[in-house]
Protein backbone atom coordinates (compact mmCIF):
# COMPACT_ATOMS: atom_id res chain seq x y z
CA MET A 1 93.92 160.45 -32.62
CA ALA A 2 92.74 162.41 -29.59
CA ALA A 3 89.03 162.23 -28.81
CA PHE A 4 87.20 165.33 -27.56
CA ASP A 5 83.52 166.03 -27.07
CA ILE A 6 83.74 169.72 -27.93
CA VAL A 7 81.58 172.04 -25.88
CA ARG A 8 81.62 175.59 -27.24
CA CYS A 9 81.62 178.74 -25.17
CA SER A 10 78.59 180.88 -25.98
CA LYS A 11 80.72 184.03 -25.91
CA CYS A 12 83.39 182.74 -28.35
CA ARG A 13 83.92 184.66 -31.56
CA GLN A 14 85.03 183.13 -34.86
CA TYR A 15 88.37 181.34 -34.86
CA SER A 16 90.48 181.13 -38.02
CA SER A 17 91.45 177.47 -37.76
CA ASP A 18 87.84 176.42 -37.18
CA LEU A 19 86.72 178.48 -40.20
CA ILE A 20 89.44 176.94 -42.39
CA HIS A 21 88.50 173.48 -41.20
CA GLN A 22 84.79 173.94 -41.86
CA HIS A 23 85.48 175.22 -45.37
CA ALA A 24 87.78 172.23 -45.94
CA LEU A 25 85.07 169.77 -44.91
CA ASN A 26 82.45 171.54 -47.01
CA TRP A 27 84.76 171.50 -50.03
CA LEU A 28 85.47 167.78 -49.61
CA ASP A 29 81.72 167.14 -49.47
CA LYS A 30 81.50 168.40 -53.06
CA GLN A 31 84.19 166.02 -54.39
CA SER A 32 83.57 162.62 -55.96
CA LYS A 33 85.44 159.60 -57.29
CA ASP A 34 84.68 160.68 -60.86
CA LYS A 35 86.96 163.73 -60.96
CA PRO A 36 90.53 164.12 -59.63
CA PHE A 37 91.08 166.96 -57.18
CA LEU A 38 93.93 168.77 -55.45
CA SER A 39 93.42 170.59 -52.17
CA ILE A 40 95.80 172.39 -49.84
CA PHE A 41 94.39 173.05 -46.38
CA THR A 42 96.49 175.77 -44.73
CA TYR A 43 95.74 175.30 -41.05
CA THR A 44 97.29 177.89 -38.75
CA LEU A 45 97.95 175.62 -35.76
CA PRO A 46 100.04 175.65 -33.71
CA HIS A 47 101.00 179.27 -34.12
CA ALA A 48 101.28 182.62 -32.43
CA GLU A 49 99.28 183.99 -30.88
CA LEU A 50 98.38 181.58 -28.10
CA ILE A 51 94.65 182.08 -28.03
CA GLN A 52 91.72 179.91 -29.04
CA PRO A 53 88.07 179.24 -28.14
CA GLU A 54 87.35 178.64 -24.48
CA ASP A 55 85.96 175.18 -25.17
CA SER A 56 86.47 171.69 -23.80
CA ILE A 57 89.74 171.17 -25.73
CA LEU A 58 91.42 174.03 -23.89
CA GLU A 59 89.73 173.17 -20.60
CA ALA A 60 91.24 169.65 -20.79
CA TYR A 61 94.75 171.12 -20.42
CA LYS A 62 94.22 173.91 -17.90
CA GLY A 63 95.99 173.20 -14.62
CA HIS A 64 97.60 169.96 -15.82
CA PHE A 65 101.18 171.16 -16.38
CA CYS A 66 103.73 170.95 -13.59
CA ALA A 67 105.13 174.25 -14.87
CA GLU A 68 102.87 176.81 -16.53
CA ARG A 69 104.11 179.85 -18.40
CA GLN A 70 102.82 183.39 -18.17
CA TYR A 71 103.28 185.66 -21.16
CA GLY A 72 102.80 189.41 -20.88
CA GLY A 73 102.23 190.13 -24.55
CA ASP A 74 104.20 192.24 -27.01
CA LYS A 75 103.68 195.99 -26.85
CA GLY A 76 102.45 197.21 -30.20
CA SER A 77 102.04 193.63 -31.44
CA ARG A 78 99.00 191.50 -32.22
CA TYR A 79 100.25 188.89 -29.71
CA ASN A 80 98.14 189.24 -26.57
CA PRO A 81 99.06 188.08 -23.06
CA THR A 82 98.12 184.73 -21.59
CA ASN A 83 98.61 183.12 -18.18
CA ILE A 84 98.40 179.57 -19.56
CA ALA A 85 100.84 179.51 -22.49
CA HIS A 86 101.63 175.80 -22.09
CA ALA A 87 97.97 174.79 -21.92
CA GLN A 88 97.17 176.96 -24.93
CA PHE A 89 99.93 175.42 -27.02
CA ALA A 90 99.06 171.84 -26.06
CA ALA A 91 95.39 172.47 -26.84
CA MET A 92 96.33 173.85 -30.26
CA ILE A 93 98.14 170.60 -31.02
CA SER A 94 95.11 168.55 -29.95
CA ARG A 95 92.77 170.80 -31.95
CA LEU A 96 94.83 170.26 -35.09
CA ASP A 97 95.01 166.54 -34.35
CA MET A 98 91.22 166.40 -34.12
CA GLN A 99 90.76 168.38 -37.32
CA VAL A 100 93.13 166.14 -39.28
CA GLY A 101 91.19 163.16 -37.95
CA GLU A 102 87.94 164.67 -39.22
CA ILE A 103 89.48 165.21 -42.67
CA MET A 104 90.49 161.54 -42.79
CA LYS A 105 87.02 160.50 -41.62
CA LYS A 106 85.39 162.64 -44.32
CA LEU A 107 87.50 160.94 -47.01
CA GLU A 108 86.36 157.56 -45.70
CA GLU A 109 82.71 158.63 -45.66
CA LYS A 110 82.99 159.80 -49.28
CA GLY A 111 84.69 156.57 -50.36
CA LEU A 112 87.82 158.54 -51.32
CA ALA A 113 90.29 157.33 -48.70
CA GLU A 114 91.72 154.43 -50.69
CA ASN A 115 92.63 156.55 -53.72
CA THR A 116 93.67 159.85 -52.13
CA VAL A 117 97.23 160.87 -51.29
CA VAL A 118 97.25 162.76 -47.98
CA ILE A 119 100.33 164.72 -46.92
CA PHE A 120 100.74 166.26 -43.47
CA THR A 121 103.62 168.72 -43.22
CA SER A 122 104.72 172.14 -41.96
CA ASP A 123 106.61 175.20 -43.18
CA ASN A 124 109.35 175.58 -40.55
CA GLY A 125 110.68 174.42 -37.23
CA PRO A 126 109.31 175.45 -33.82
CA HIS A 127 108.66 179.11 -33.06
CA GLU A 128 108.87 181.21 -29.89
CA GLU A 129 106.65 184.17 -30.82
CA GLY A 130 103.57 184.94 -28.78
CA GLY A 131 104.77 183.18 -25.65
CA ALA A 132 105.42 179.74 -27.17
CA ASP A 133 107.96 177.68 -25.23
CA PRO A 134 109.87 175.35 -27.59
CA THR A 135 112.33 174.40 -24.85
CA PHE A 136 109.52 173.02 -22.68
CA PHE A 137 107.87 171.06 -25.48
CA ASN A 138 111.07 169.85 -27.12
CA ARG A 139 112.54 167.99 -24.17
CA ASP A 140 114.91 165.80 -26.22
CA ALA A 141 116.51 168.91 -27.81
CA LYS A 142 118.06 166.83 -30.60
CA LEU A 143 118.08 169.74 -33.06
CA ARG A 144 119.51 173.23 -32.71
CA GLY A 145 117.67 176.32 -33.90
CA LEU A 146 114.15 177.66 -34.33
CA LYS A 147 112.03 179.18 -37.06
CA ARG A 148 114.03 181.49 -39.39
CA SER A 149 117.28 179.75 -38.46
CA THR A 150 119.23 177.64 -40.94
CA TYR A 151 120.30 175.24 -38.23
CA GLU A 152 118.51 171.89 -38.55
CA GLY A 153 115.92 172.84 -35.94
CA GLY A 154 114.76 175.73 -38.10
CA ILE A 155 114.49 173.96 -41.44
CA ARG A 156 113.59 170.34 -40.67
CA ILE A 157 109.85 169.68 -40.74
CA PRO A 158 107.48 166.75 -40.29
CA PHE A 159 106.40 165.08 -43.54
CA ILE A 160 103.90 162.24 -43.27
CA VAL A 161 102.23 160.61 -46.29
CA SER A 162 99.22 158.31 -46.46
CA TRP A 163 98.16 156.51 -49.63
CA PRO A 164 96.68 153.06 -48.88
CA GLY A 165 98.14 150.29 -50.99
CA GLN A 166 100.68 152.58 -52.67
CA VAL A 167 102.89 154.29 -50.09
CA ARG A 168 105.01 151.84 -48.09
CA GLU A 169 103.41 151.53 -44.67
CA GLY A 170 105.45 152.03 -41.51
CA VAL A 171 108.54 153.14 -43.44
CA THR A 172 110.71 156.13 -42.59
CA SER A 173 113.32 157.58 -44.93
CA ASP A 174 116.42 159.73 -44.60
CA HIS A 175 116.13 160.93 -48.20
CA GLN A 176 116.90 164.66 -48.37
CA PHE A 177 114.36 166.76 -50.25
CA ALA A 178 112.59 170.12 -50.17
CA PHE A 179 109.14 171.52 -51.00
CA TYR A 180 110.14 172.28 -54.58
CA ASP A 181 110.34 168.52 -55.12
CA LEU A 182 106.58 168.18 -54.62
CA MET A 183 105.62 169.56 -58.03
CA ALA A 184 107.64 166.83 -59.72
CA THR A 185 106.22 164.27 -57.30
CA PHE A 186 102.63 165.30 -58.04
CA CYS A 187 103.33 165.05 -61.76
CA ASP A 188 104.56 161.49 -61.27
CA LEU A 189 101.53 160.65 -59.15
CA ALA A 190 99.23 161.99 -61.88
CA GLY A 191 101.07 160.13 -64.64
CA ILE A 192 102.22 163.32 -66.41
CA GLU A 193 105.22 162.66 -68.64
CA ASN A 194 108.02 165.03 -69.70
CA TYR A 195 106.89 167.58 -67.11
CA GLU A 196 110.36 169.14 -66.90
CA GLN A 197 109.91 170.47 -70.43
CA ARG A 198 106.16 170.98 -70.38
CA TYR A 199 106.31 173.44 -67.48
CA ARG A 200 109.32 175.46 -68.55
CA ASN A 201 108.62 179.09 -69.46
CA PRO A 202 110.08 179.56 -72.96
CA ARG A 203 110.18 183.34 -72.50
CA LEU A 204 112.60 183.10 -69.57
CA LYS A 205 116.18 182.04 -70.33
CA ASN A 206 116.93 181.02 -66.75
CA ASP A 207 113.65 179.26 -65.99
CA TRP A 208 114.12 175.61 -65.10
CA PHE A 209 112.38 172.78 -63.32
CA ASP A 210 114.74 171.81 -60.51
CA GLY A 211 112.50 169.59 -58.39
CA LEU A 212 113.25 165.87 -58.13
CA SER A 213 110.25 163.59 -57.66
CA ILE A 214 110.19 161.57 -54.42
CA TYR A 215 107.73 159.08 -55.94
CA PRO A 216 110.33 156.26 -55.78
CA THR A 217 110.94 156.92 -52.08
CA LEU A 218 107.22 156.91 -51.32
CA THR A 219 106.31 153.80 -53.28
CA GLY A 220 109.53 151.83 -53.59
CA LYS A 221 109.10 151.87 -57.39
CA GLY A 222 111.91 153.11 -59.61
CA THR A 223 115.23 154.71 -58.70
CA GLN A 224 115.32 157.75 -56.48
CA LYS A 225 117.33 160.70 -57.83
CA GLU A 226 119.36 162.63 -55.27
CA HIS A 227 120.10 166.34 -54.93
CA ASP A 228 123.79 167.19 -54.83
CA HIS A 229 122.82 169.89 -52.30
CA LEU A 230 119.96 171.86 -50.76
CA TYR A 231 120.10 175.60 -50.10
CA TRP A 232 118.29 178.06 -47.78
CA GLU A 233 118.30 181.81 -47.08
CA PHE A 234 116.61 183.84 -44.33
CA HIS A 235 117.09 187.57 -44.70
CA GLU A 236 115.29 188.23 -41.38
CA THR A 237 118.14 186.59 -39.47
CA ASN A 238 120.86 187.08 -42.12
CA MET A 239 121.54 183.35 -42.28
CA LEU A 240 122.29 180.93 -45.13
CA GLY A 241 122.37 177.15 -45.10
CA VAL A 242 123.70 174.43 -47.38
CA ARG A 243 123.19 170.68 -46.98
CA MET A 244 125.45 168.33 -48.96
CA GLY A 245 125.02 164.74 -47.83
CA ASN A 246 125.92 164.73 -44.14
CA TRP A 247 127.82 168.00 -44.44
CA LYS A 248 125.96 171.10 -43.27
CA MET A 249 127.18 174.66 -43.74
CA VAL A 250 125.62 177.48 -41.74
CA VAL A 251 126.53 181.05 -42.71
CA ASN A 252 125.59 183.49 -39.95
CA ARG A 253 126.07 187.14 -40.95
CA GLY A 254 128.77 186.07 -43.39
CA GLU A 255 130.62 183.83 -40.94
CA VAL A 256 131.00 180.23 -42.14
CA HIS A 257 130.45 177.19 -39.90
CA LEU A 258 130.64 173.56 -41.03
CA TYR A 259 129.12 170.57 -39.24
CA ASP A 260 129.21 166.82 -39.79
CA LEU A 261 125.61 165.80 -39.12
CA ALA A 262 126.49 162.10 -39.07
CA ASN A 263 128.40 162.68 -35.83
CA ASP A 264 127.07 166.06 -34.68
CA LEU A 265 123.33 166.32 -35.29
CA HIS A 266 122.99 169.23 -32.85
CA GLU A 267 125.57 171.25 -34.82
CA ASP A 268 127.83 172.04 -31.88
CA HIS A 269 131.30 171.40 -33.33
CA ASP A 270 132.48 173.64 -36.17
CA VAL A 271 134.90 171.64 -38.36
CA ALA A 272 135.31 174.20 -41.15
CA ALA A 273 139.03 174.66 -40.50
CA ALA A 274 139.66 170.92 -40.86
CA HIS A 275 137.81 170.57 -44.18
CA PRO A 276 138.67 173.53 -46.44
CA GLU A 277 137.86 171.55 -49.61
CA VAL A 278 134.31 170.90 -48.40
CA VAL A 279 133.89 174.57 -47.45
CA LYS A 280 135.07 175.65 -50.88
CA LYS A 281 132.63 173.36 -52.67
CA MET A 282 129.68 174.45 -50.55
CA LYS A 283 130.54 178.13 -51.01
CA ALA A 284 130.39 177.49 -54.76
CA PHE A 285 126.84 176.21 -54.35
CA ILE A 286 125.91 179.46 -52.58
CA LYS A 287 127.38 181.52 -55.40
CA GLN A 288 125.46 179.39 -57.89
CA ASP A 289 122.09 179.56 -56.13
CA HIS A 290 121.98 183.05 -54.60
CA THR A 291 120.17 185.88 -56.40
CA ASP A 292 120.81 189.42 -55.15
CA SER A 293 117.73 191.37 -54.08
CA PRO A 294 117.42 194.82 -52.48
CA LEU A 295 114.40 193.51 -50.55
CA PHE A 296 115.96 190.33 -49.16
CA ARG A 297 119.57 191.12 -48.30
CA VAL A 298 121.91 188.55 -46.79
CA THR A 299 125.64 188.59 -46.15
CA LEU A 300 127.47 186.12 -48.38
CA PRO A 301 130.61 184.35 -47.16
CA GLN A 302 133.98 185.62 -48.31
């Protein structure tokens, strides 16, 4: 965890991430061991735009990059220009790192750390809005695609879990899951039984609970159920995505591409023509999962 002695600029105005963080700490101060709690802290870092308080965190990165990036801003946009885009982005990462560290420290101070599940995650892959430079900060370039893309780089996210004495320490997993699995997971963590039926809406014929708990993967207890596929849509880019084991289908404006992630993690080699039976099966998943909407239009494959 990075260590910073933060010195504030007297001219700085309020900053959203700092406000969120202070409210998070204040809220945790009101919690106790006697009553279970659930909290979701929606930090905005790192994100466009690349601006933050002129304090010692940002100062620590100014002038320390061999290549700095200047960004002129977007006309008519809320994203303002900056001459130190790399320093701004790096400082945002360190600011978030510090804030997560303070959350963990607060749990320890309250005596809650040993019996609290902490999840650190994100909502998408790297972005390029506001002058961000994912190419510079992603030097290994193992994944293709950015935010709003259904290539792996757009939909894979970090997911780190801490739960002392319960979650297996130092273990990584290649289990494939999505955010809708967390409801089922939280139910298992809380000891709620028959949640698939308890949380169905009896007034809706097509309402179902499709999340699969990842409790077995986290703890090593029980047998982990597997999804037969995962599905994504992004109407902003007119892209669809299907994951079925190591097979990955990307539909870009209706055009189908198939990749074997076991041998082609960067999704460079389209093997759709060589595997028509796989393409057919994955197209059926799209037909099954897609719901037409006049607000979120995408082009389905033929």
